[in-house]
Amino acid sequence: MFPILSEIFFSGFMINSTFIRRTHLVQSFSVVFLYWKRKRMISNRESARRSRMRKQKHLDDLMTQLTQLQKQNHEIITNINFTTQHLLNVESENSVLRAQLNELTHRLQSLNEIISFLNDVHGDDDDDDDKTSIDFTQPAVADNIFLNPFHLAYLNQPIMASADNTFQY
């Protein structure tokens, strides 16, 4: 049995010192209760302090993670912008190359037509597929250079393509 309870139990049997004993028991019970209450209060304060520390550490960890994710997000956006600019440059260059291809294809067709015409003028009746059998050292070609409409300067100018006008939407 606990000492306080045993003292309370035995105090009822002692009639001559009942009042003194009860006062003493109540006081000692109050001291024990206050001691227990104070101990519990200190324990609760320590528990609350540990809880606040855990929350603060968790908040600090989240802030560190937020900073790291913002940095990664910024790097990703920078890479996307760089890649987009590179794509636009490649598309622009591709458009210029396509225009040059069309120009060179047209010039090749024109030159093939000129060669075919010159072969017809010189009477090359061989039905060979060899279209480049012209001898340009012959005087007929040199004499007719200014009279031939295929040798006009304004027709032989190259077509220039520019990347500036490529993306007009």
C-alpha atoms as a PDB file:
ATOM      1  CA  MET A   1       0.000   0.000   0.000  1.00  0.00           C
ATOM      2  CA  PHE A   2       1.120   3.545  -0.667  1.00  0.00           C
ATOM      3  CA  PRO A   3       2.384   5.443   2.343  1.00  0.00           C
ATOM      4  CA  ILE A   4      -0.106   8.248   1.942  1.00  0.00           C
ATOM      5  CA  LEU A   5      -3.082   5.923   1.643  1.00  0.00           C
ATOM      6  CA  SER A   6      -1.939   3.860   4.566  1.00  0.00           C
ATOM      7  CA  GLU A   7      -1.516   7.002   6.603  1.00  0.00           C
ATOM      8  CA  ILE A   8      -5.013   8.167   5.681  1.00  0.00           C
ATOM      9  CA  PHE A   9      -6.393   4.738   6.553  1.00  0.00           C
ATOM     10  CA  PHE A  10      -4.651   4.591   9.909  1.00  0.00           C
ATOM     11  CA  SER A  11      -5.431   8.187  10.776  1.00  0.00           C
ATOM     12  CA  GLY A  12      -9.124   7.409  11.085  1.00  0.00           C
ATOM     13  CA  PHE A  13      -8.409   5.009  13.956  1.00  0.00           C
ATOM     14  CA  MET A  14      -6.419   7.470  16.031  1.00  0.00           C
ATOM     15  CA  ILE A  15      -9.005   9.667  17.632  1.00  0.00           C
ATOM     16  CA  ASN A  16      -6.773  11.797  19.814  1.00  0.00           C
ATOM     17  CA  SER A  17      -4.625  13.144  16.970  1.00  0.00           C
ATOM     18  CA  THR A  18      -7.189  13.034  14.179  1.00  0.00           C
ATOM     19  CA  PHE A  19      -7.197  16.704  13.322  1.00  0.00           C
ATOM     20  CA  ILE A  20      -3.429  17.033  13.307  1.00  0.00           C
ATOM     21  CA  ARG A  21      -2.955  13.871  11.271  1.00  0.00           C
ATOM     22  CA  ARG A  22      -5.558  14.826   8.699  1.00  0.00           C
ATOM     23  CA  THR A  23      -4.041  18.236   8.207  1.00  0.00           C
ATOM     24  CA  HIS A  24      -0.641  16.666   7.813  1.00  0.00           C
ATOM     25  CA  LEU A  25      -1.978  14.089   5.340  1.00  0.00           C
ATOM     26  CA  VAL A  26      -3.754  16.713   3.256  1.00  0.00           C
ATOM     27  CA  GLN A  27      -0.620  18.805   3.192  1.00  0.00           C
ATOM     28  CA  SER A  28       1.580  15.878   2.178  1.00  0.00           C
ATOM     29  CA  PHE A  29      -0.986  14.805  -0.428  1.00  0.00           C
ATOM     30  CA  SER A  30      -0.972  18.378  -1.764  1.00  0.00           C
ATOM     31  CA  VAL A  31       2.828  18.353  -1.917  1.00  0.00           C
ATOM     32  CA  VAL A  32       2.851  15.056  -3.825  1.00  0.00           C
ATOM     33  CA  PHE A  33       0.098  16.273  -6.139  1.00  0.00           C
ATOM     34  CA  LEU A  34       1.917  19.565  -6.797  1.00  0.00           C
ATOM     35  CA  TYR A  35       5.167  17.687  -7.387  1.00  0.00           C
ATOM     36  CA  TRP A  36       3.417  15.346  -9.862  1.00  0.00           C
ATOM     37  CA  LYS A  37       1.682  18.309 -11.524  1.00  0.00           C
ATOM     38  CA  ARG A  38       4.946  20.263 -11.863  1.00  0.00           C
ATOM     39  CA  LYS A  39       6.762  17.207 -13.237  1.00  0.00           C
ATOM     40  CA  ARG A  40       3.986  16.669 -15.791  1.00  0.00           C
ATOM     41  CA  MET A  41       4.078  20.355 -16.773  1.00  0.00           C
ATOM     42  CA  ILE A  42       7.845  20.217 -17.335  1.00  0.00           C
ATOM     43  CA  SER A  43       7.449  17.041 -19.373  1.00  0.00           C
ATOM     44  CA  ASN A  44       4.744  18.695 -21.486  1.00  0.00           C
ATOM     45  CA  ARG A  45       6.948  21.737 -22.052  1.00  0.00           C
ATOM     46  CA  GLU A  46       9.836  19.539 -23.188  1.00  0.00           C
ATOM     47  CA  SER A  47       7.530  17.591 -25.492  1.00  0.00           C
ATOM     48  CA  ALA A  48       6.168  20.829 -26.983  1.00  0.00           C
ATOM     49  CA  ARG A  49       9.728  22.154 -27.447  1.00  0.00           C
ATOM     50  CA  ARG A  50      10.764  18.958 -29.269  1.00  0.00           C
ATOM     51  CA  SER A  51       7.642  19.165 -31.421  1.00  0.00           C
ATOM     52  CA  ARG A  52       8.434  22.792 -32.338  1.00  0.00           C
ATOM     53  CA  MET A  53      12.011  21.805 -33.177  1.00  0.00           C
ATOM     54  CA  ARG A  54      10.781  18.966 -35.432  1.00  0.00           C
ATOM     55  CA  LYS A  55       8.372  21.321 -37.183  1.00  0.00           C
ATOM     56  CA  GLN A  56      11.105  23.939 -37.650  1.00  0.00           C
ATOM     57  CA  LYS A  57      13.500  21.336 -39.051  1.00  0.00           C
ATOM     58  CA  HIS A  58      10.786  20.082 -41.421  1.00  0.00           C
ATOM     59  CA  LEU A  59      10.093  23.678 -42.509  1.00  0.00           C
ATOM     60  CA  ASP A  60      13.819  24.287 -43.101  1.00  0.00           C
ATOM     61  CA  ASP A  61      14.043  21.082 -45.148  1.00  0.00           C
ATOM     62  CA  LEU A  62      11.039  22.140 -47.235  1.00  0.00           C
ATOM     63  CA  MET A  63      12.564  25.589 -47.835  1.00  0.00           C
ATOM     64  CA  THR A  64      15.822  23.964 -48.966  1.00  0.00           C
ATOM     65  CA  GLN A  65      13.898  21.652 -51.283  1.00  0.00           C
ATOM     66  CA  LEU A  66      11.907  24.624 -52.642  1.00  0.00           C
ATOM     67  CA  THR A  67      15.100  26.535 -53.412  1.00  0.00           C
ATOM     68  CA  GLN A  68      16.593  23.505 -55.135  1.00  0.00           C
ATOM     69  CA  LEU A  69      13.441  22.914 -57.219  1.00  0.00           C
ATOM     70  CA  GLN A  70      13.296  26.593 -58.216  1.00  0.00           C
ATOM     71  CA  LYS A  71      16.919  26.387 -59.358  1.00  0.00           C
ATOM     72  CA  GLN A  72      16.199  23.241 -61.398  1.00  0.00           C
ATOM     73  CA  ASN A  73      13.093  24.876 -62.865  1.00  0.00           C
ATOM     74  CA  HIS A  74      15.148  27.908 -63.915  1.00  0.00           C
ATOM     75  CA  GLU A  75      17.750  25.644 -65.558  1.00  0.00           C
ATOM     76  CA  ILE A  76      15.027  23.736 -67.435  1.00  0.00           C
ATOM     77  CA  ILE A  77      13.444  26.977 -68.681  1.00  0.00           C
ATOM     78  CA  THR A  78      16.859  28.229 -69.815  1.00  0.00           C
ATOM     79  CA  ASN A  79      17.490  24.963 -71.681  1.00  0.00           C
ATOM     80  CA  ILE A  80      14.050  25.124 -73.310  1.00  0.00           C
ATOM     81  CA  ASN A  81      14.649  28.715 -74.440  1.00  0.00           C
ATOM     82  CA  PHE A  82      18.071  27.802 -75.830  1.00  0.00           C
ATOM     83  CA  THR A  83      16.670  24.757 -77.646  1.00  0.00           C
ATOM     84  CA  THR A  84      13.764  26.779 -79.047  1.00  0.00           C
ATOM     85  CA  GLN A  85      16.150  29.429 -80.373  1.00  0.00           C
ATOM     86  CA  HIS A  86      18.341  26.725 -81.881  1.00  0.00           C
ATOM     87  CA  LEU A  87      15.267  25.141 -83.515  1.00  0.00           C
ATOM     88  CA  LEU A  88      14.250  28.484 -85.026  1.00  0.00           C
ATOM     89  CA  ASN A  89      17.771  28.983 -86.372  1.00  0.00           C
ATOM     90  CA  VAL A  90      17.811  25.490 -87.897  1.00  0.00           C
ATOM     91  CA  GLU A  91      14.372  25.986 -89.452  1.00  0.00           C
ATOM     92  CA  SER A  92      15.480  29.325 -90.884  1.00  0.00           C
ATOM     93  CA  GLU A  93      18.643  27.811 -92.318  1.00  0.00           C
ATOM     94  CA  ASN A  94      16.612  24.888 -93.680  1.00  0.00           C
ATOM     95  CA  SER A  95      14.251  27.310 -95.405  1.00  0.00           C
ATOM     96  CA  VAL A  96      17.184  29.153 -96.980  1.00  0.00           C
ATOM     97  CA  LEU A  97      18.680  25.864 -98.156  1.00  0.00           C
ATOM     98  CA  ARG A  98      15.343  24.807 -99.666  1.00  0.00           C
ATOM     99  CA  ALA A  99      15.115  28.122-101.525  1.00  0.00           C
ATOM    100  CA  GLN A 100      18.676  27.657-102.788  1.00  0.00           C
ATOM    101  CA  LEU A 101      17.809  24.112-103.860  1.00  0.00           C
ATOM    102  CA  ASN A 102      14.822  25.391-105.820  1.00  0.00           C
ATOM    103  CA  GLU A 103      16.972  28.118-107.377  1.00  0.00           C
ATOM    104  CA  LEU A 104      19.728  25.702-108.354  1.00  0.00           C
ATOM    105  CA  THR A 105      17.195  23.201-109.710  1.00  0.00           C
ATOM    106  CA  HIS A 106      15.656  25.939-111.838  1.00  0.00           C
ATOM    107  CA  ARG A 107      19.093  27.050-113.062  1.00  0.00           C
ATOM    108  CA  LEU A 108      19.999  23.450-113.911  1.00  0.00           C
ATOM    109  CA  GLN A 109      16.808  23.082-115.918  1.00  0.00           C
ATOM    110  CA  SER A 110      17.539  26.355-117.698  1.00  0.00           C
ATOM    111  CA  LEU A 111      21.091  25.288-118.490  1.00  0.00           C
ATOM    112  CA  ASN A 112      19.854  21.932-119.776  1.00  0.00           C
ATOM    113  CA  GLU A 113      17.379  23.772-122.007  1.00  0.00           C
ATOM    114  CA  ILE A 114      20.162  26.040-123.272  1.00  0.00           C
ATOM    115  CA  ILE A 115      22.367  23.041-124.023  1.00  0.00           C
ATOM    116  CA  SER A 116      19.472  21.344-125.793  1.00  0.00           C
ATOM    117  CA  PHE A 117      18.780  24.498-127.810  1.00  0.00           C
ATOM    118  CA  LEU A 118      22.438  24.909-128.742  1.00  0.00           C
ATOM    119  CA  ASN A 119      22.618  21.265-129.774  1.00  0.00           C
ATOM    120  CA  ASP A 120      19.568  21.796-131.958  1.00  0.00           C
ATOM    121  CA  VAL A 121      21.081  24.962-133.506  1.00  0.00           C
ATOM    122  CA  HIS A 122      24.329  23.196-134.389  1.00  0.00           C
ATOM    123  CA  GLY A 123      22.469  20.346-135.991  1.00  0.00           C
ATOM    124  CA  ASP A 124      23.514  17.666-133.601  1.00  0.00           C
ATOM    125  CA  ASP A 125      21.047  15.047-134.752  1.00  0.00           C
ATOM    126  CA  ASP A 126      22.508  12.200-132.811  1.00  0.00           C
ATOM    127  CA  ASP A 127      19.688  10.981-130.674  1.00  0.00           C
ATOM    128  CA  ASP A 128      22.080  10.276-127.853  1.00  0.00           C
ATOM    129  CA  ASP A 129      21.136  11.109-124.340  1.00  0.00           C
ATOM    130  CA  ASP A 130      24.410  12.988-124.033  1.00  0.00           C
ATOM    131  CA  LYS A 131      23.231  16.592-123.848  1.00  0.00           C
ATOM    132  CA  THR A 132      26.667  18.056-123.114  1.00  0.00           C
ATOM    133  CA  SER A 133      28.308  17.473-126.485  1.00  0.00           C
ATOM    134  CA  ILE A 134      28.668  21.161-127.374  1.00  0.00           C
ATOM    135  CA  ASP A 135      31.951  22.615-128.557  1.00  0.00           C
ATOM    136  CA  PHE A 136      31.937  26.172-127.254  1.00  0.00           C
ATOM    137  CA  THR A 137      35.026  27.111-129.247  1.00  0.00           C
ATOM    138  CA  GLN A 138      33.047  27.244-132.468  1.00  0.00           C
ATOM    139  CA  PRO A 139      32.597  30.704-133.931  1.00  0.00           C
ATOM    140  CA  ALA A 140      28.819  30.304-134.311  1.00  0.00           C
ATOM    141  CA  VAL A 141      28.337  30.365-130.588  1.00  0.00           C
ATOM    142  CA  ALA A 142      30.715  33.254-130.069  1.00  0.00           C
ATOM    143  CA  ASP A 143      29.103  35.296-132.868  1.00  0.00           C
ATOM    144  CA  ASN A 144      25.546  34.774-131.651  1.00  0.00           C
ATOM    145  CA  ILE A 145      26.206  35.421-127.975  1.00  0.00           C
ATOM    146  CA  PHE A 146      24.581  38.856-128.053  1.00  0.00           C
ATOM    147  CA  LEU A 147      21.714  37.769-130.294  1.00  0.00           C
ATOM    148  CA  ASN A 148      20.789  34.688-128.288  1.00  0.00           C
ATOM    149  CA  PRO A 149      17.940  35.487-125.841  1.00  0.00           C
ATOM    150  CA  PHE A 150      19.295  32.926-123.348  1.00  0.00           C
ATOM    151  CA  HIS A 151      22.398  35.047-122.826  1.00  0.00           C
ATOM    152  CA  LEU A 152      20.636  38.169-121.677  1.00  0.00           C
ATOM    153  CA  ALA A 153      22.136  39.368-118.416  1.00  0.00           C
ATOM    154  CA  TYR A 154      18.893  40.054-116.603  1.00  0.00           C
ATOM    155  CA  LEU A 155      17.692  36.474-117.143  1.00  0.00           C
ATOM    156  CA  ASN A 156      20.828  34.932-115.686  1.00  0.00           C
ATOM    157  CA  GLN A 157      20.681  36.681-112.334  1.00  0.00           C
ATOM    158  CA  PRO A 158      20.501  34.348-109.317  1.00  0.00           C
ATOM    159  CA  ILE A 159      17.456  34.398-107.069  1.00  0.00           C
ATOM    160  CA  MET A 160      18.517  35.252-103.549  1.00  0.00           C
ATOM    161  CA  ALA A 161      16.556  33.872-100.593  1.00  0.00           C
ATOM    162  CA  SER A 162      16.652  35.574 -97.233  1.00  0.00           C
ATOM    163  CA  ALA A 163      15.910  34.142 -93.803  1.00  0.00           C
ATOM    164  CA  ASP A 164      14.357  37.453 -92.725  1.00  0.00           C
ATOM    165  CA  ASN A 165      11.147  36.891 -94.669  1.00  0.00           C
ATOM    166  CA  THR A 166      10.879  33.191 -93.967  1.00  0.00           C
ATOM    167  CA  PHE A 167       8.553  33.253 -90.940  1.00  0.00           C
ATOM    168  CA  GLN A 168       5.771  35.625 -91.904  1.00  0.00           C
ATOM    169  CA  TYR A 169       2.563  34.303 -90.431  1.00  0.00           C
END
